[in-house]
């Protein structure tokens, strides 16, 4: 119960009560004899490689990390009982083929959350966590899959005015062929870090029917990532200037022909009209030759997005016009093309090269 009170307080302070759903989520430890629903139990396992997690002790482990550590071989499945798991979780390279399943049909019921930020001091005094180290969940393994789970970072700027490193990642995923179905990603700055293990690696990620919210650059990284039927929601950030944030900040390697692709998605905002940008390019110091790529197509863009100038720069030396930003067949108030040079559009022929199949190749996570 304490964890839900903390989550509700942070959600309310962030002005996201209506959209985040944290305060409206089912109670963490619902009573009942079947905490794992249709996914079996320790006495009736789906497979020999299925492990069950429940803070009340009705499973094999009480924390997600303990279950990850106990999983052996490849292809293990962790079934999580509805609960708030306040912990950090790390999935190492060796846990190939790991699947996490929220036992509830509602992804709001199963929440993995913590509250580190980039500027949070480490307990051992060795410095601060940095952006990557702030992640509540870190996935390095290939072939990772998650179903109906909320990944969150509820660190708030207002609670820590002394900290200037305000990036606070909910999940950093780096392994190739990582898929998320009906999941939620909640945070503020740098919520969803869709990245790769190293610069030469073109990891592929797939997000289906997911929800992501935040404010500054809250979907970012250099992976080849396809977002299909997803919703992106910009929070009403408590500042007196615009833009209040950006949905995307890709950092695609120049050699990678594919970056981020949003198909049949929705873009909404709790802020005033035109307060958000669709994207800005991130060219990190670790890859000064990056050429960020983003295509948004067949999507509904709400009035919270600046239709006149939907893109902006992160650094003056890397203008967005030099990057690979484009749109195709979008609708909604935020998709109006009023200044054509500010909204590059694909032709029908070009759009044929920006599809799920083109980006993911021989990987079929949607089947």
Protein backbone atom coordinates (compact mmCIF):
# COMPACT_ATOMS: atom_id res chain seq x y z
CA UNK A 1 0.00 0.00 0.00
CA UNK A 2 2.83 2.38 0.82
CA UNK A 3 4.26 2.02 -2.68
CA UNK A 4 0.97 2.96 -4.28
CA UNK A 5 0.64 6.03 -2.08
CA UNK A 6 4.09 7.14 -3.21
CA UNK A 7 3.25 6.52 -6.85
CA UNK A 8 -0.07 8.37 -6.56
CA UNK A 9 1.65 11.36 -4.92
CA UNK A 10 4.23 11.58 -7.68
CA UNK A 11 1.63 11.15 -10.39
CA UNK A 12 -0.48 13.94 -8.92
CA UNK A 13 2.50 16.28 -8.50
CA UNK A 14 3.43 15.67 -12.11
CA UNK A 15 -0.03 16.63 -13.25
CA UNK A 16 -0.41 13.23 -14.85
CA UNK A 17 -3.10 11.63 -12.72
CA UNK A 18 -5.52 11.29 -15.60
CA UNK A 19 -3.02 9.85 -18.04
CA UNK A 20 -0.42 7.95 -16.07
CA UNK A 21 -2.97 5.71 -14.43
CA UNK A 22 -0.64 4.96 -11.54
CA UNK A 23 -2.99 6.30 -8.90
CA UNK A 24 -5.90 4.54 -10.58
CA UNK A 25 -4.16 1.18 -10.89
CA UNK A 26 -5.53 -1.87 -9.11
CA UNK A 27 -4.22 -2.37 -5.62
CA UNK A 28 -0.81 -3.96 -5.48
CA UNK A 29 -1.65 -7.13 -3.58
CA UNK A 30 -5.13 -8.17 -4.54
CA UNK A 31 -6.40 -11.06 -2.49
CA UNK A 32 -7.31 -14.33 -4.15
CA UNK A 33 -6.11 -17.84 -4.71
CA UNK A 34 -4.79 -17.33 -8.22
CA UNK A 35 -2.30 -14.44 -8.25
CA UNK A 36 -0.89 -15.69 -11.56
CA UNK A 37 -4.22 -16.00 -13.34
CA UNK A 38 -4.19 -18.22 -16.42
CA UNK A 39 -0.42 -18.62 -16.29
CA UNK A 40 -0.32 -21.45 -13.77
CA UNK A 41 1.48 -21.49 -10.44
CA UNK A 42 4.55 -23.01 -8.81
CA UNK A 43 2.58 -26.24 -8.39
CA UNK A 44 1.27 -26.18 -11.98
CA UNK A 45 4.01 -24.64 -14.09
CA UNK A 46 3.40 -23.80 -17.71
CA UNK A 47 6.88 -25.13 -18.49
CA UNK A 48 9.92 -26.22 -16.54
CA UNK A 49 11.47 -22.83 -17.32
CA UNK A 50 8.57 -20.79 -15.94
CA UNK A 51 9.20 -18.95 -12.67
CA UNK A 52 6.63 -17.06 -10.62
CA UNK A 53 7.17 -13.74 -8.80
CA UNK A 54 4.97 -12.42 -6.01
CA UNK A 55 5.90 -10.05 -3.14
CA UNK A 56 3.53 -11.95 -0.85
CA UNK A 57 5.50 -15.15 -1.20
CA UNK A 58 3.04 -17.12 -3.31
CA UNK A 59 5.58 -17.61 -6.08
CA UNK A 60 9.15 -18.80 -6.46
CA UNK A 61 10.62 -15.35 -5.76
CA UNK A 62 9.49 -12.12 -4.15
CA UNK A 63 11.45 -9.76 -6.42
CA UNK A 64 11.87 -9.56 -10.16
CA UNK A 65 15.65 -9.39 -9.94
CA UNK A 66 15.83 -12.56 -7.87
CA UNK A 67 13.83 -14.36 -10.55
CA UNK A 68 16.06 -12.97 -13.33
CA UNK A 69 19.11 -14.20 -11.44
CA UNK A 70 17.57 -17.63 -10.97
CA UNK A 71 16.53 -18.08 -14.61
CA UNK A 72 18.85 -20.51 -16.36
CA UNK A 73 19.55 -21.27 -19.97
CA UNK A 74 17.57 -19.50 -22.66
CA UNK A 75 13.86 -19.01 -23.06
CA UNK A 76 12.88 -18.61 -19.41
CA UNK A 77 9.50 -17.07 -18.59
CA UNK A 78 8.84 -14.94 -15.51
CA UNK A 79 5.19 -14.49 -14.56
CA UNK A 80 4.67 -11.46 -12.30
CA UNK A 81 1.71 -11.29 -9.94
CA UNK A 82 -0.09 -7.92 -9.88
CA UNK A 83 2.03 -5.72 -7.59
CA UNK A 84 4.30 -2.71 -7.41
CA UNK A 85 7.89 -3.95 -7.55
CA UNK A 86 10.00 -1.11 -6.19
CA UNK A 87 13.43 -2.21 -7.30
CA UNK A 88 15.95 -1.89 -10.08
CA UNK A 89 16.14 -4.78 -12.51
CA UNK A 90 19.06 -5.79 -14.73
CA UNK A 91 18.78 -8.45 -17.43
CA UNK A 92 22.35 -9.44 -18.42
CA UNK A 93 23.52 -10.68 -21.80
CA UNK A 94 23.34 -14.32 -20.73
CA UNK A 95 19.57 -14.25 -20.14
CA UNK A 96 18.79 -14.68 -23.82
CA UNK A 97 15.16 -15.21 -24.72
CA UNK A 98 13.77 -14.05 -21.39
CA UNK A 99 10.04 -13.22 -21.29
CA UNK A 100 8.31 -11.16 -18.59
CA UNK A 101 4.54 -11.49 -18.33
CA UNK A 102 2.25 -9.40 -16.16
CA UNK A 103 -0.33 -11.88 -14.89
CA UNK A 104 -3.11 -9.29 -14.99
CA UNK A 105 -4.71 -8.34 -18.28
CA UNK A 106 -4.23 -4.70 -17.20
CA UNK A 107 -0.62 -3.47 -17.51
CA UNK A 108 -1.31 -0.88 -14.81
CA UNK A 109 -1.53 -3.69 -12.27
CA UNK A 110 2.08 -4.83 -12.61
CA UNK A 111 4.58 -2.01 -12.09
CA UNK A 112 8.37 -2.11 -11.93
CA UNK A 113 9.47 1.28 -10.58
CA UNK A 114 12.35 3.08 -8.91
CA UNK A 115 13.48 6.67 -8.53
CA UNK A 116 17.10 7.24 -9.51
CA UNK A 117 18.10 10.17 -11.71
CA UNK A 118 21.29 10.85 -13.62
CA UNK A 119 22.39 13.22 -10.87
CA UNK A 120 21.47 10.98 -7.94
CA UNK A 121 24.58 10.22 -5.84
CA UNK A 122 25.53 6.55 -5.63
CA UNK A 123 25.40 5.09 -2.11
CA UNK A 124 29.09 4.14 -2.24
CA UNK A 125 30.15 7.73 -2.88
CA UNK A 126 31.69 6.94 -6.28
CA UNK A 127 29.77 9.65 -8.10
CA UNK A 128 26.34 9.88 -9.66
CA UNK A 129 24.41 7.32 -11.68
CA UNK A 130 24.44 9.09 -15.03
CA UNK A 131 21.64 8.70 -17.55
CA UNK A 132 22.14 4.98 -18.26
CA UNK A 133 22.68 4.17 -14.60
CA UNK A 134 19.42 5.86 -13.64
CA UNK A 135 17.35 3.20 -15.44
CA UNK A 136 14.85 1.31 -13.33
CA UNK A 137 15.12 -1.63 -15.75
CA UNK A 138 18.11 -2.39 -17.96
CA UNK A 139 17.95 -5.07 -20.66
CA UNK A 140 21.15 -6.23 -22.35
CA UNK A 141 20.01 -9.70 -23.44
CA UNK A 142 18.80 -10.47 -26.93
CA UNK A 143 15.30 -11.80 -27.66
CA UNK A 144 13.72 -10.16 -24.62
CA UNK A 145 9.92 -9.90 -24.54
CA UNK A 146 7.55 -8.17 -22.13
CA UNK A 147 3.76 -8.37 -21.97
CA UNK A 148 1.41 -6.11 -20.01
CA UNK A 149 3.94 -4.55 -17.65
CA UNK A 150 4.46 -0.93 -16.60
CA UNK A 151 8.08 0.21 -16.48
CA UNK A 152 8.39 3.47 -14.54
CA UNK A 153 10.78 5.95 -12.99
CA UNK A 154 8.96 8.21 -10.54
CA UNK A 155 11.85 10.55 -9.73
CA UNK A 156 10.62 14.17 -9.71
CA UNK A 157 12.52 17.38 -10.29
CA UNK A 158 10.36 19.18 -7.74
CA UNK A 159 11.46 16.76 -5.01
CA UNK A 160 15.17 17.28 -5.73
CA UNK A 161 15.92 20.91 -6.67
CA UNK A 162 19.57 20.33 -5.75
CA UNK A 163 20.04 17.81 -8.59
CA UNK A 164 20.78 19.16 -12.07
CA UNK A 165 21.10 15.82 -13.86
CA UNK A 166 17.36 15.29 -14.26
CA UNK A 167 17.36 12.44 -16.76
CA UNK A 168 15.49 9.54 -15.15
CA UNK A 169 15.11 6.44 -17.33
CA UNK A 170 12.28 3.95 -16.83
CA UNK A 171 13.86 1.33 -19.07
CA UNK A 172 17.01 1.05 -21.17
CA UNK A 173 16.81 -1.78 -23.68
CA UNK A 174 19.81 -2.71 -25.82
CA UNK A 175 19.47 -6.34 -26.90
CA UNK A 176 18.52 -7.22 -30.47
CA UNK A 177 15.00 -8.48 -31.14
CA UNK A 178 13.43 -6.98 -28.01
CA UNK A 179 9.64 -6.77 -28.10
CA UNK A 180 7.07 -5.08 -25.87
CA UNK A 181 3.36 -5.78 -26.16
CA UNK A 182 0.71 -3.76 -24.30
CA UNK A 183 3.33 -2.24 -21.99
CA UNK A 184 3.55 1.21 -20.42
CA UNK A 185 6.58 3.43 -19.93
CA UNK A 186 6.22 6.24 -17.39
CA UNK A 187 8.64 8.99 -16.47
CA UNK A 188 9.59 12.55 -17.29
CA UNK A 189 12.92 13.18 -19.00
CA UNK A 190 14.37 10.25 -20.98
CA UNK A 191 11.65 7.74 -20.09
CA UNK A 192 12.25 5.09 -22.78
CA UNK A 193 15.86 4.51 -23.86
CA UNK A 194 15.77 2.32 -26.97
CA UNK A 195 19.45 1.80 -27.67
CA UNK A 196 22.10 -0.74 -28.72
CA UNK A 197 24.95 -2.53 -26.97
CA UNK A 198 27.55 -0.75 -29.09
CA UNK A 199 27.77 1.68 -31.97
CA UNK A 200 28.32 -0.88 -34.78
CA UNK A 201 25.35 -3.01 -33.63
CA UNK A 202 21.94 -2.25 -35.18
CA UNK A 203 19.61 -3.68 -32.52
CA UNK A 204 15.94 -4.03 -33.47
CA UNK A 205 13.10 -3.25 -31.06
CA UNK A 206 9.36 -3.58 -31.52
CA UNK A 207 6.62 -1.89 -29.48
CA UNK A 208 3.02 -2.88 -30.08
CA UNK A 209 -0.02 -1.23 -28.44
CA UNK A 210 2.19 0.47 -25.87
CA UNK A 211 1.91 3.75 -23.99
CA UNK A 212 4.83 6.10 -23.28
CA UNK A 213 4.73 9.39 -21.43
CA UNK A 214 7.18 12.03 -20.32
CA UNK A 215 8.39 15.47 -21.27
CA UNK A 216 11.98 16.04 -22.47
CA UNK A 217 13.25 13.58 -25.11
CA UNK A 218 11.22 10.84 -23.53
CA UNK A 219 11.79 8.29 -26.31
CA UNK A 220 15.45 8.32 -27.33
CA UNK A 221 18.47 6.29 -28.46
CA UNK A 222 20.05 4.71 -31.51
CA UNK A 223 18.19 1.42 -31.97
CA UNK A 224 16.12 0.48 -34.99
CA UNK A 225 12.74 0.77 -33.30
CA UNK A 226 9.23 0.25 -34.65
CA UNK A 227 6.29 1.64 -32.67
CA UNK A 228 2.96 0.32 -33.89
CA UNK A 229 -0.44 1.32 -32.52
CA UNK A 230 1.27 3.14 -29.63
CA UNK A 231 0.31 6.30 -27.78
CA UNK A 232 2.84 8.98 -26.83
CA UNK A 233 1.72 11.49 -24.23
CA UNK A 234 3.51 14.71 -23.32
CA UNK A 235 3.06 15.81 -19.72
CA UNK A 236 2.17 19.35 -18.70
CA UNK A 237 5.64 20.23 -17.47
CA UNK A 238 5.73 22.99 -14.84
CA UNK A 239 7.78 25.57 -16.75
CA UNK A 240 6.93 28.98 -18.16
CA UNK A 241 8.46 28.44 -21.60
CA UNK A 242 7.96 26.34 -24.70
CA UNK A 243 8.69 23.89 -26.02
CA UNK A 244 7.85 22.03 -22.86
CA UNK A 245 9.32 18.88 -24.32
CA UNK A 246 9.96 16.59 -27.25
CA UNK A 247 8.50 13.16 -27.94
CA UNK A 248 11.59 11.75 -29.66
CA UNK A 249 15.35 12.28 -29.61
CA UNK A 250 16.85 9.61 -31.88
CA UNK A 251 20.63 9.21 -32.15
CA UNK A 252 20.75 6.81 -35.11
CA UNK A 253 24.22 5.82 -36.32
CA UNK A 254 24.97 7.21 -39.77
CA UNK A 255 25.59 3.71 -41.14
CA UNK A 256 22.18 2.48 -40.00
CA UNK A 257 19.56 2.94 -42.73
CA UNK A 258 16.72 2.71 -40.20
CA UNK A 259 16.07 4.60 -36.99
CA UNK A 260 12.72 5.16 -35.28
CA UNK A 261 9.45 4.43 -37.06
CA UNK A 262 6.04 5.29 -35.59
CA UNK A 263 3.14 3.71 -37.51
CA UNK A 264 -0.55 4.19 -36.73
CA UNK A 265 0.25 5.86 -33.43
CA UNK A 266 -1.33 8.72 -31.44
CA UNK A 267 0.39 11.79 -30.07
CA UNK A 268 -1.38 13.56 -27.23
CA UNK A 269 -0.46 16.13 -24.60
CA UNK A 270 -1.66 17.50 -21.29
CA UNK A 271 0.04 20.81 -22.03
CA UNK A 272 -1.31 23.74 -24.01
CA UNK A 273 -1.60 23.62 -27.77
CA UNK A 274 1.67 23.61 -29.71
CA UNK A 275 3.77 23.16 -26.54
CA UNK A 276 5.53 20.01 -27.77
CA UNK A 277 7.88 19.16 -30.62
CA UNK A 278 7.76 15.83 -32.37
CA UNK A 279 11.52 15.46 -32.15
CA UNK A 280 14.98 16.89 -31.94
CA UNK A 281 18.15 15.13 -33.10
CA UNK A 282 20.59 13.81 -30.53
CA UNK A 283 24.17 13.64 -31.75
CA UNK A 284 26.05 12.36 -28.69
CA UNK A 285 29.72 13.05 -28.01
CA UNK A 286 30.30 9.30 -28.27
CA UNK A 287 29.15 9.37 -31.91
CA UNK A 288 29.68 12.80 -33.46
CA UNK A 289 28.87 11.41 -36.91
CA UNK A 290 25.37 10.22 -35.93
CA UNK A 291 22.56 11.08 -38.32
CA UNK A 292 19.31 10.69 -36.36
CA UNK A 293 16.39 9.12 -38.18
CA UNK A 294 12.67 9.33 -37.42
CA UNK A 295 9.64 8.63 -39.59
CA UNK A 296 6.11 9.22 -38.30
CA UNK A 297 3.44 7.89 -40.61
CA UNK A 298 -0.29 7.12 -40.70
CA UNK A 299 -0.59 8.57 -37.21
CA UNK A 300 -2.89 11.02 -35.43
CA UNK A 301 -1.05 14.04 -34.03
CA UNK A 302 -3.01 16.10 -31.54
CA UNK A 303 -3.02 19.88 -30.97
CA UNK A 304 -0.30 19.66 -28.31
CA UNK A 305 2.29 19.31 -31.08
CA UNK A 306 3.59 22.43 -32.80
CA UNK A 307 2.27 22.04 -36.34
CA UNK A 308 4.16 25.06 -37.66
CA UNK A 309 7.58 23.93 -36.45
CA UNK A 310 7.42 20.33 -35.17
CA UNK A 311 11.20 19.85 -35.02
CA UNK A 312 13.92 21.71 -33.17
CA UNK A 313 17.65 21.44 -32.55
CA UNK A 314 19.46 20.00 -29.56
CA UNK A 315 22.77 21.55 -30.63
CA UNK A 316 23.29 24.30 -33.19
CA UNK A 317 26.05 22.32 -34.89
CA UNK A 318 23.60 19.55 -35.76
CA UNK A 319 20.47 21.16 -37.25
CA UNK A 320 17.44 18.94 -37.62
CA UNK A 321 17.31 19.76 -41.34
CA UNK A 322 20.52 17.76 -41.83
CA UNK A 323 19.02 14.66 -40.25
CA UNK A 324 16.57 12.03 -41.49
CA UNK A 325 13.21 13.32 -40.24
CA UNK A 326 10.09 12.74 -42.33
CA UNK A 327 6.35 12.15 -42.17
CA UNK A 328 3.69 10.48 -44.27
CA UNK A 329 -0.12 10.53 -44.28
CA UNK A 330 -0.53 11.86 -40.73
CA UNK A 331 -3.76 13.47 -39.56
CA UNK A 332 -4.94 15.67 -36.70
CA UNK A 333 -4.39 19.31 -35.72
CA UNK A 334 -0.70 18.76 -35.00
CA UNK A 335 -0.13 17.25 -38.45
CA UNK A 336 -1.23 20.27 -40.49
CA UNK A 337 1.41 21.31 -43.01
CA UNK A 338 1.41 25.09 -42.79
CA UNK A 339 5.12 25.66 -43.48
CA UNK A 340 6.14 22.87 -45.91
CA UNK A 341 9.90 23.32 -45.39
CA UNK A 342 9.40 22.58 -41.69
CA UNK A 343 7.63 19.26 -42.34
CA UNK A 344 9.45 16.97 -44.79
CA UNK A 345 6.98 14.53 -46.33
CA UNK A 346 7.67 11.16 -47.92
CA UNK A 347 6.33 10.33 -51.33
CA UNK A 348 4.24 7.17 -51.68
CA UNK A 349 7.23 5.43 -53.23
CA UNK A 350 9.52 6.50 -50.40
CA UNK A 351 6.96 5.42 -47.80
CA UNK A 352 7.23 1.89 -49.16
CA UNK A 353 10.73 1.71 -47.66
CA UNK A 354 9.55 2.77 -44.20
CA UNK A 355 7.52 -0.19 -42.99
CA UNK A 356 7.72 -2.67 -40.16
CA UNK A 357 9.04 -5.33 -42.52
CA UNK A 358 11.74 -3.06 -43.94
CA UNK A 359 12.96 -2.07 -40.48
CA UNK A 360 12.82 -5.47 -38.78
CA UNK A 361 13.93 -7.68 -41.65
CA UNK A 362 13.54 -11.40 -41.00
CA UNK A 363 12.34 -10.88 -37.41
CA UNK A 364 8.57 -11.28 -36.94
CA UNK A 365 7.72 -10.27 -33.35
CA UNK A 366 4.11 -9.47 -34.26
CA UNK A 367 3.21 -13.03 -35.24
